[in-house]
Amino acid sequence: MESKRQQKFAGVIQQDLAAIFQREGMNFLPNTLITITKVRTTPDLGIARVFLSFFNGTNNEQALQTIKLHSSEIRYKLGKQIK
């Protein structure tokens, strides 16, 4: 079971990532809606696992690979937004 702190931090990450994908998701995957379904964090808040779903995309595996390619850029923007 997650602590309240983990749940709160996961909620912040989910909201901020949703805003990033809403603003810049078309740069990564045109004509695809990216939704963050769940965020799980470790007890020390060092690692966050993000669960995504894709709508209007033809190939989910290819979409996931594209997100992984841009992961450093997404992490950078998330870090700037969370601080």
PDB file of N, CA and C in Angstrom:
ATOM      1  N   MET A   1       0.845  -1.185   0.000  1.00  0.00           N
ATOM      2  CA  MET A   1       0.000   0.000   0.000  1.00  0.00           C
ATOM      3  C   MET A   1       0.888   1.245   0.000  1.00  0.00           C
ATOM      4  N   GLU A   2       0.519   2.194  -0.797  1.00  0.00           N
ATOM      5  CA  GLU A   2       1.293   3.426  -0.912  1.00  0.00           C
ATOM      6  C   GLU A   2       0.948   4.384   0.220  1.00  0.00           C
ATOM      7  N   SER A   3       1.947   5.123   0.663  1.00  0.00           N
ATOM      8  CA  SER A   3       1.720   6.136   1.692  1.00  0.00           C
ATOM      9  C   SER A   3       1.045   7.354   1.062  1.00  0.00           C
ATOM     10  N   LYS A   4       0.539   8.215   1.920  1.00  0.00           N
ATOM     11  CA  LYS A   4      -0.106   9.435   1.415  1.00  0.00           C
ATOM     12  C   LYS A   4       0.887  10.298   0.643  1.00  0.00           C
ATOM     13  N   ARG A   5       2.119  10.308   1.112  1.00  0.00           N
ATOM     14  CA  ARG A   5       3.152  11.099   0.427  1.00  0.00           C
ATOM     15  C   ARG A   5       3.401  10.552  -0.978  1.00  0.00           C
ATOM     16  N   GLN A   6       3.478   9.230  -1.108  1.00  0.00           N
ATOM     17  CA  GLN A   6       3.666   8.623  -2.423  1.00  0.00           C
ATOM     18  C   GLN A   6       2.486   8.941  -3.330  1.00  0.00           C
ATOM     19  N   GLN A   7       1.278   8.840  -2.797  1.00  0.00           N
ATOM     20  CA  GLN A   7       0.084   9.116  -3.593  1.00  0.00           C
ATOM     21  C   GLN A   7       0.052  10.573  -4.049  1.00  0.00           C
ATOM     22  N   LYS A   8       0.418  11.479  -3.149  1.00  0.00           N
ATOM     23  CA  LYS A   8       0.419  12.903  -3.491  1.00  0.00           C
ATOM     24  C   LYS A   8       1.460  13.199  -4.568  1.00  0.00           C
ATOM     25  N   PHE A   9       2.657  12.642  -4.403  1.00  0.00           N
ATOM     26  CA  PHE A   9       3.717  12.864  -5.379  1.00  0.00           C
ATOM     27  C   PHE A   9       3.344  12.254  -6.732  1.00  0.00           C
ATOM     28  N   ALA A  10       2.740  11.069  -6.716  1.00  0.00           N
ATOM     29  CA  ALA A  10       2.302  10.428  -7.957  1.00  0.00           C
ATOM     30  C   ALA A  10       1.243  11.281  -8.654  1.00  0.00           C
ATOM     31  N   GLY A  11       0.358  11.894  -7.875  1.00  0.00           N
ATOM     32  CA  GLY A  11      -0.659  12.772  -8.455  1.00  0.00           C
ATOM     33  C   GLY A  11      -0.050  13.997  -9.119  1.00  0.00           C
ATOM     34  N   VAL A  12       0.976  14.560  -8.493  1.00  0.00           N
ATOM     35  CA  VAL A  12       1.663  15.724  -9.071  1.00  0.00           C
ATOM     36  C   VAL A  12       2.327  15.333 -10.388  1.00  0.00           C
ATOM     37  N   ILE A  13       3.003  14.197 -10.394  1.00  0.00           N
ATOM     38  CA  ILE A  13       3.660  13.733 -11.618  1.00  0.00           C
ATOM     39  C   ILE A  13       2.629  13.488 -12.712  1.00  0.00           C
ATOM     40  N   GLN A  14       1.507  12.867 -12.345  1.00  0.00           N
ATOM     41  CA  GLN A  14       0.475  12.568 -13.337  1.00  0.00           C
ATOM     42  C   GLN A  14      -0.089  13.851 -13.943  1.00  0.00           C
ATOM     43  N   GLN A  15      -0.381  14.835 -13.119  1.00  0.00           N
ATOM     44  CA  GLN A  15      -0.925  16.098 -13.624  1.00  0.00           C
ATOM     45  C   GLN A  15       0.075  16.829 -14.510  1.00  0.00           C
ATOM     46  N   ASP A  16       1.322  16.887 -14.072  1.00  0.00           N
ATOM     47  CA  ASP A  16       2.328  17.612 -14.838  1.00  0.00           C
ATOM     48  C   ASP A  16       2.651  16.907 -16.155  1.00  0.00           C
ATOM     49  N   LEU A  17       2.724  15.582 -16.132  1.00  0.00           N
ATOM     50  CA  LEU A  17       2.957  14.851 -17.383  1.00  0.00           C
ATOM     51  C   LEU A  17       1.781  15.019 -18.338  1.00  0.00           C
ATOM     52  N   ALA A  18       0.567  15.012 -17.792  1.00  0.00           N
ATOM     53  CA  ALA A  18      -0.612  15.215 -18.638  1.00  0.00           C
ATOM     54  C   ALA A  18      -0.548  16.579 -19.323  1.00  0.00           C
ATOM     55  N   ALA A  19      -0.113  17.592 -18.586  1.00  0.00           N
ATOM     56  CA  ALA A  19       0.011  18.930 -19.172  1.00  0.00           C
ATOM     57  C   ALA A  19       1.084  18.950 -20.260  1.00  0.00           C
ATOM     58  N   ILE A  20       2.196  18.263 -20.024  1.00  0.00           N
ATOM     59  CA  ILE A  20       3.269  18.210 -21.025  1.00  0.00           C
ATOM     60  C   ILE A  20       2.784  17.518 -22.289  1.00  0.00           C
ATOM     61  N   PHE A  21       2.118  16.374 -22.128  1.00  0.00           N
ATOM     62  CA  PHE A  21       1.635  15.646 -23.304  1.00  0.00           C
ATOM     63  C   PHE A  21       0.521  16.410 -24.014  1.00  0.00           C
ATOM     64  N   GLN A  22      -0.270  17.163 -23.267  1.00  0.00           N
ATOM     65  CA  GLN A  22      -1.328  17.950 -23.894  1.00  0.00           C
ATOM     66  C   GLN A  22      -0.730  19.074 -24.743  1.00  0.00           C
ATOM     67  N   ARG A  23       0.311  19.732 -24.208  1.00  0.00           N
ATOM     68  CA  ARG A  23       0.936  20.832 -24.939  1.00  0.00           C
ATOM     69  C   ARG A  23       1.803  20.340 -26.088  1.00  0.00           C
ATOM     70  N   GLU A  24       2.571  19.284 -25.846  1.00  0.00           N
ATOM     71  CA  GLU A  24       3.602  18.902 -26.805  1.00  0.00           C
ATOM     72  C   GLU A  24       3.486  17.476 -27.315  1.00  0.00           C
ATOM     73  N   GLY A  25       2.395  16.820 -27.027  1.00  0.00           N
ATOM     74  CA  GLY A  25       2.224  15.442 -27.472  1.00  0.00           C
ATOM     75  C   GLY A  25       2.183  15.303 -28.980  1.00  0.00           C
ATOM     76  N   MET A  26       1.686  16.315 -29.655  1.00  0.00           N
ATOM     77  CA  MET A  26       1.620  16.257 -31.122  1.00  0.00           C
ATOM     78  C   MET A  26       3.010  16.280 -31.749  1.00  0.00           C
ATOM     79  N   ASN A  27       3.987  16.829 -31.037  1.00  0.00           N
ATOM     80  CA  ASN A  27       5.359  16.802 -31.554  1.00  0.00           C
ATOM     81  C   ASN A  27       5.916  15.387 -31.551  1.00  0.00           C
ATOM     82  N   PHE A  28       5.526  14.603 -30.547  1.00  0.00           N
ATOM     83  CA  PHE A  28       6.024  13.234 -30.432  1.00  0.00           C
ATOM     84  C   PHE A  28       5.231  12.279 -31.320  1.00  0.00           C
ATOM     85  N   LEU A  29       3.916  12.334 -31.181  1.00  0.00           N
ATOM     86  CA  LEU A  29       3.035  11.410 -31.902  1.00  0.00           C
ATOM     87  C   LEU A  29       1.857  12.181 -32.485  1.00  0.00           C
ATOM     88  N   PRO A  30       1.947  12.600 -33.737  1.00  0.00           N
ATOM     89  CA  PRO A  30       0.827  13.323 -34.339  1.00  0.00           C
ATOM     90  C   PRO A  30      -0.403  12.426 -34.455  1.00  0.00           C
ATOM     91  N   ASN A  31      -1.568  13.011 -34.267  1.00  0.00           N
ATOM     92  CA  ASN A  31      -2.857  12.325 -34.378  1.00  0.00           C
ATOM     93  C   ASN A  31      -3.026  11.207 -33.356  1.00  0.00           C
ATOM     94  N   THR A  32      -2.324  11.285 -32.238  1.00  0.00           N
ATOM     95  CA  THR A  32      -2.459  10.287 -31.181  1.00  0.00           C
ATOM     96  C   THR A  32      -2.667  10.997 -29.852  1.00  0.00           C
ATOM     97  N   LEU A  33      -3.677  10.557 -29.125  1.00  0.00           N
ATOM     98  CA  LEU A  33      -3.948  11.095 -27.798  1.00  0.00           C
ATOM     99  C   LEU A  33      -3.232  10.218 -26.776  1.00  0.00           C
ATOM    100  N   ILE A  34      -2.402  10.830 -25.950  1.00  0.00           N
ATOM    101  CA  ILE A  34      -1.638  10.110 -24.933  1.00  0.00           C
ATOM    102  C   ILE A  34      -2.283  10.385 -23.578  1.00  0.00           C
ATOM    103  N   THR A  35      -2.616   9.318 -22.857  1.00  0.00           N
ATOM    104  CA  THR A  35      -3.246   9.440 -21.551  1.00  0.00           C
ATOM    105  C   THR A  35      -2.386   8.754 -20.500  1.00  0.00           C
ATOM    106  N   ILE A  36      -2.185   9.414 -19.369  1.00  0.00           N
ATOM    107  CA  ILE A  36      -1.479   8.805 -18.250  1.00  0.00           C
ATOM    108  C   ILE A  36      -2.536   8.137 -17.389  1.00  0.00           C
ATOM    109  N   THR A  37      -2.527   6.811 -17.344  1.00  0.00           N
ATOM    110  CA  THR A  37      -3.555   6.088 -16.605  1.00  0.00           C
ATOM    111  C   THR A  37      -3.216   5.931 -15.132  1.00  0.00           C
ATOM    112  N   LYS A  38      -1.924   5.785 -14.814  1.00  0.00           N
ATOM    113  CA  LYS A  38      -1.536   5.555 -13.427  1.00  0.00           C
ATOM    114  C   LYS A  38      -0.060   5.893 -13.260  1.00  0.00           C
ATOM    115  N   VAL A  39       0.298   6.354 -12.072  1.00  0.00           N
ATOM    116  CA  VAL A  39       1.699   6.592 -11.722  1.00  0.00           C
ATOM    117  C   VAL A  39       1.960   5.902 -10.388  1.00  0.00           C
ATOM    118  N   ARG A  40       3.000   5.096 -10.343  1.00  0.00           N
ATOM    119  CA  ARG A  40       3.414   4.412  -9.110  1.00  0.00           C
ATOM    120  C   ARG A  40       4.821   4.873  -8.752  1.00  0.00           C
ATOM    121  N   THR A  41       5.048   5.142  -7.474  1.00  0.00           N
ATOM    122  CA  THR A  41       6.372   5.577  -7.030  1.00  0.00           C
ATOM    123  C   THR A  41       6.914   4.611  -5.979  1.00  0.00           C
ATOM    124  N   THR A  42       8.235   4.563  -5.885  1.00  0.00           N
ATOM    125  CA  THR A  42       8.874   3.773  -4.840  1.00  0.00           C
ATOM    126  C   THR A  42       8.758   4.528  -3.518  1.00  0.00           C
ATOM    127  N   PRO A  43       8.914   3.837  -2.391  1.00  0.00           N
ATOM    128  CA  PRO A  43       8.781   4.518  -1.089  1.00  0.00           C
ATOM    129  C   PRO A  43       9.738   5.689  -0.894  1.00  0.00           C
ATOM    130  N   ASP A  44      10.925   5.646  -1.508  1.00  0.00           N
ATOM    131  CA  ASP A  44      11.858   6.768  -1.367  1.00  0.00           C
ATOM    132  C   ASP A  44      11.637   7.847  -2.428  1.00  0.00           C
ATOM    133  N   LEU A  45      10.624   7.690  -3.261  1.00  0.00           N
ATOM    134  CA  LEU A  45      10.245   8.624  -4.334  1.00  0.00           C
ATOM    135  C   LEU A  45      11.348   8.788  -5.374  1.00  0.00           C
ATOM    136  N   GLY A  46      12.258   7.840  -5.429  1.00  0.00           N
ATOM    137  CA  GLY A  46      13.369   7.916  -6.377  1.00  0.00           C
ATOM    138  C   GLY A  46      13.002   7.458  -7.771  1.00  0.00           C
ATOM    139  N   ILE A  47      12.020   6.573  -7.865  1.00  0.00           N
ATOM    140  CA  ILE A  47      11.621   6.033  -9.163  1.00  0.00           C
ATOM    141  C   ILE A  47      10.110   6.140  -9.288  1.00  0.00           C
ATOM    142  N   ALA A  48       9.662   6.609 -10.432  1.00  0.00           N
ATOM    143  CA  ALA A  48       8.229   6.666 -10.730  1.00  0.00           C
ATOM    144  C   ALA A  48       7.979   5.846 -11.990  1.00  0.00           C
ATOM    145  N   ARG A  49       7.022   4.960 -11.912  1.00  0.00           N
ATOM    146  CA  ARG A  49       6.628   4.157 -13.074  1.00  0.00           C
ATOM    147  C   ARG A  49       5.321   4.743 -13.598  1.00  0.00           C
ATOM    148  N   VAL A  50       5.327   5.104 -14.874  1.00  0.00           N
ATOM    149  CA  VAL A  50       4.185   5.773 -15.490  1.00  0.00           C
ATOM    150  C   VAL A  50       3.528   4.810 -16.469  1.00  0.00           C
ATOM    151  N   PHE A  51       2.218   4.672 -16.353  1.00  0.00           N
ATOM    152  CA  PHE A  51       1.446   3.812 -17.241  1.00  0.00           C
ATOM    153  C   PHE A  51       0.691   4.700 -18.226  1.00  0.00           C
ATOM    154  N   LEU A  52       0.861   4.413 -19.503  1.00  0.00           N
ATOM    155  CA  LEU A  52       0.275   5.226 -20.568  1.00  0.00           C
ATOM    156  C   LEU A  52      -0.738   4.423 -21.370  1.00  0.00           C
ATOM    157  N   SER A  53      -1.667   5.140 -21.987  1.00  0.00           N
ATOM    158  CA  SER A  53      -2.529   4.532 -23.000  1.00  0.00           C
ATOM    159  C   SER A  53      -2.562   5.478 -24.195  1.00  0.00           C
ATOM    160  N   PHE A  54      -2.720   4.891 -25.362  1.00  0.00           N
ATOM    161  CA  PHE A  54      -2.707   5.652 -26.611  1.00  0.00           C
ATOM    162  C   PHE A  54      -4.034   5.456 -27.335  1.00  0.00           C
ATOM    163  N   PHE A  55      -4.605   6.556 -27.826  1.00  0.00           N
ATOM    164  CA  PHE A  55      -5.835   6.502 -28.602  1.00  0.00           C
ATOM    165  C   PHE A  55      -5.574   7.068 -29.991  1.00  0.00           C
ATOM    166  N   ASN A  56      -6.233   6.521 -30.971  1.00  0.00           N
ATOM    167  CA  ASN A  56      -6.124   6.922 -32.380  1.00  0.00           C
ATOM    168  C   ASN A  56      -4.773   6.586 -32.979  1.00  0.00           C
ATOM    169  N   GLY A  57      -3.993   5.828 -32.286  1.00  0.00           N
ATOM    170  CA  GLY A  57      -2.707   5.397 -32.822  1.00  0.00           C
ATOM    171  C   GLY A  57      -2.873   4.048 -33.492  1.00  0.00           C
ATOM    172  N   THR A  58      -2.077   3.801 -34.491  1.00  0.00           N
ATOM    173  CA  THR A  58      -2.208   2.537 -35.197  1.00  0.00           C
ATOM    174  C   THR A  58      -1.392   1.438 -34.536  1.00  0.00           C
ATOM    175  N   ASN A  59      -0.258   1.773 -33.951  1.00  0.00           N
ATOM    176  CA  ASN A  59       0.615   0.763 -33.383  1.00  0.00           C
ATOM    177  C   ASN A  59       1.104   1.225 -32.010  1.00  0.00           C
ATOM    178  N   ASN A  60       0.621   0.572 -30.958  1.00  0.00           N
ATOM    179  CA  ASN A  60       0.991   0.977 -29.600  1.00  0.00           C
ATOM    180  C   ASN A  60       2.461   0.735 -29.300  1.00  0.00           C
ATOM    181  N   GLU A  61       3.032  -0.336 -29.824  1.00  0.00           N
ATOM    182  CA  GLU A  61       4.449  -0.621 -29.590  1.00  0.00           C
ATOM    183  C   GLU A  61       5.334   0.467 -30.201  1.00  0.00           C
ATOM    184  N   GLN A  62       4.982   0.896 -31.396  1.00  0.00           N
ATOM    185  CA  GLN A  62       5.749   1.957 -32.055  1.00  0.00           C
ATOM    186  C   GLN A  62       5.591   3.276 -31.289  1.00  0.00           C
ATOM    187  N   ALA A  63       4.393   3.540 -30.791  1.00  0.00           N
ATOM    188  CA  ALA A  63       4.158   4.757 -30.010  1.00  0.00           C
ATOM    189  C   ALA A  63       4.990   4.741 -28.730  1.00  0.00           C
ATOM    190  N   LEU A  64       5.060   3.595 -28.080  1.00  0.00           N
ATOM    191  CA  LEU A  64       5.853   3.476 -26.863  1.00  0.00           C
ATOM    192  C   LEU A  64       7.339   3.676 -27.149  1.00  0.00           C
ATOM    193  N   GLN A  65       7.816   3.152 -28.249  1.00  0.00           N
ATOM    194  CA  GLN A  65       9.218   3.348 -28.629  1.00  0.00           C
ATOM    195  C   GLN A  65       9.511   4.827 -28.893  1.00  0.00           C
ATOM    196  N   THR A  66       8.568   5.526 -29.504  1.00  0.00           N
ATOM    197  CA  THR A  66       8.739   6.957 -29.758  1.00  0.00           C
ATOM    198  C   THR A  66       8.819   7.728 -28.440  1.00  0.00           C
ATOM    199  N   ILE A  67       7.959   7.377 -27.493  1.00  0.00           N
ATOM    200  CA  ILE A  67       7.993   8.022 -26.176  1.00  0.00           C
ATOM    201  C   ILE A  67       9.336   7.742 -25.498  1.00  0.00           C
ATOM    202  N   LYS A  68       9.822   6.513 -25.598  1.00  0.00           N
ATOM    203  CA  LYS A  68      11.115   6.171 -24.996  1.00  0.00           C
ATOM    204  C   LYS A  68      12.251   6.956 -25.641  1.00  0.00           C
ATOM    205  N   LEU A  69      12.162   7.196 -26.947  1.00  0.00           N
ATOM    206  CA  LEU A  69      13.183   7.996 -27.634  1.00  0.00           C
ATOM    207  C   LEU A  69      13.241   9.423 -27.090  1.00  0.00           C
ATOM    208  N   HIS A  70      12.092   9.957 -26.737  1.00  0.00           N
ATOM    209  CA  HIS A  70      12.000  11.337 -26.250  1.00  0.00           C
ATOM    210  C   HIS A  70      11.971  11.403 -24.722  1.00  0.00           C
ATOM    211  N   SER A  71      12.302  10.314 -24.047  1.00  0.00           N
ATOM    212  CA  SER A  71      12.169  10.271 -22.584  1.00  0.00           C
ATOM    213  C   SER A  71      13.052  11.303 -21.877  1.00  0.00           C
ATOM    214  N   SER A  72      14.251  11.536 -22.377  1.00  0.00           N
ATOM    215  CA  SER A  72      15.122  12.509 -21.701  1.00  0.00           C
ATOM    216  C   SER A  72      14.540  13.920 -21.799  1.00  0.00           C
ATOM    217  N   GLU A  73      13.981  14.257 -22.939  1.00  0.00           N
ATOM    218  CA  GLU A  73      13.348  15.570 -23.114  1.00  0.00           C
ATOM    219  C   GLU A  73      12.121  15.697 -22.211  1.00  0.00           C
ATOM    220  N   ILE A  74      11.331  14.636 -22.115  1.00  0.00           N
ATOM    221  CA  ILE A  74      10.135  14.646 -21.272  1.00  0.00           C
ATOM    222  C   ILE A  74      10.528  14.764 -19.801  1.00  0.00           C
ATOM    223  N   ARG A  75      11.554  14.019 -19.373  1.00  0.00           N
ATOM    224  CA  ARG A  75      12.020  14.095 -17.986  1.00  0.00           C
ATOM    225  C   ARG A  75      12.537  15.490 -17.658  1.00  0.00           C
ATOM    226  N   TYR A  76      13.246  16.107 -18.599  1.00  0.00           N
ATOM    227  CA  TYR A  76      13.763  17.461 -18.389  1.00  0.00           C
ATOM    228  C   TYR A  76      12.605  18.438 -18.168  1.00  0.00           C
ATOM    229  N   LYS A  77      11.593  18.367 -19.023  1.00  0.00           N
ATOM    230  CA  LYS A  77      10.453  19.282 -18.901  1.00  0.00           C
ATOM    231  C   LYS A  77       9.671  19.015 -17.622  1.00  0.00           C
ATOM    232  N   LEU A  78       9.555  17.746 -17.255  1.00  0.00           N
ATOM    233  CA  LEU A  78       8.863  17.398 -16.017  1.00  0.00           C
ATOM    234  C   LEU A  78       9.629  17.937 -14.810  1.00  0.00           C
ATOM    235  N   GLY A  79      10.939  17.801 -14.817  1.00  0.00           N
ATOM    236  CA  GLY A  79      11.757  18.310 -13.718  1.00  0.00           C
ATOM    237  C   GLY A  79      11.648  19.813 -13.563  1.00  0.00           C
ATOM    238  N   LYS A  80      11.617  20.533 -14.680  1.00  0.00           N
ATOM    239  CA  LYS A  80      11.473  21.991 -14.627  1.00  0.00           C
ATOM    240  C   LYS A  80      10.105  22.376 -14.083  1.00  0.00           C
ATOM    241  N   GLN A  81       9.083  21.603 -14.436  1.00  0.00           N
ATOM    242  CA  GLN A  81       7.725  21.947 -14.040  1.00  0.00           C
ATOM    243  C   GLN A  81       7.460  21.609 -12.571  1.00  0.00           C
ATOM    244  N   ILE A  82       8.061  20.552 -12.066  1.00  0.00           N
ATOM    245  CA  ILE A  82       7.816  20.133 -10.686  1.00  0.00           C
ATOM    246  C   ILE A  82       8.492  21.062  -9.686  1.00  0.00           C
ATOM    247  N   LYS A  83       9.665  21.589 -10.000  1.00  0.00           N
ATOM    248  CA  LYS A  83      10.407  22.431  -9.043  1.00  0.00           C
ATOM    249  C   LYS A  83       9.673  23.668  -8.665  1.00  0.00           C
TER     250      LYS A  83
END
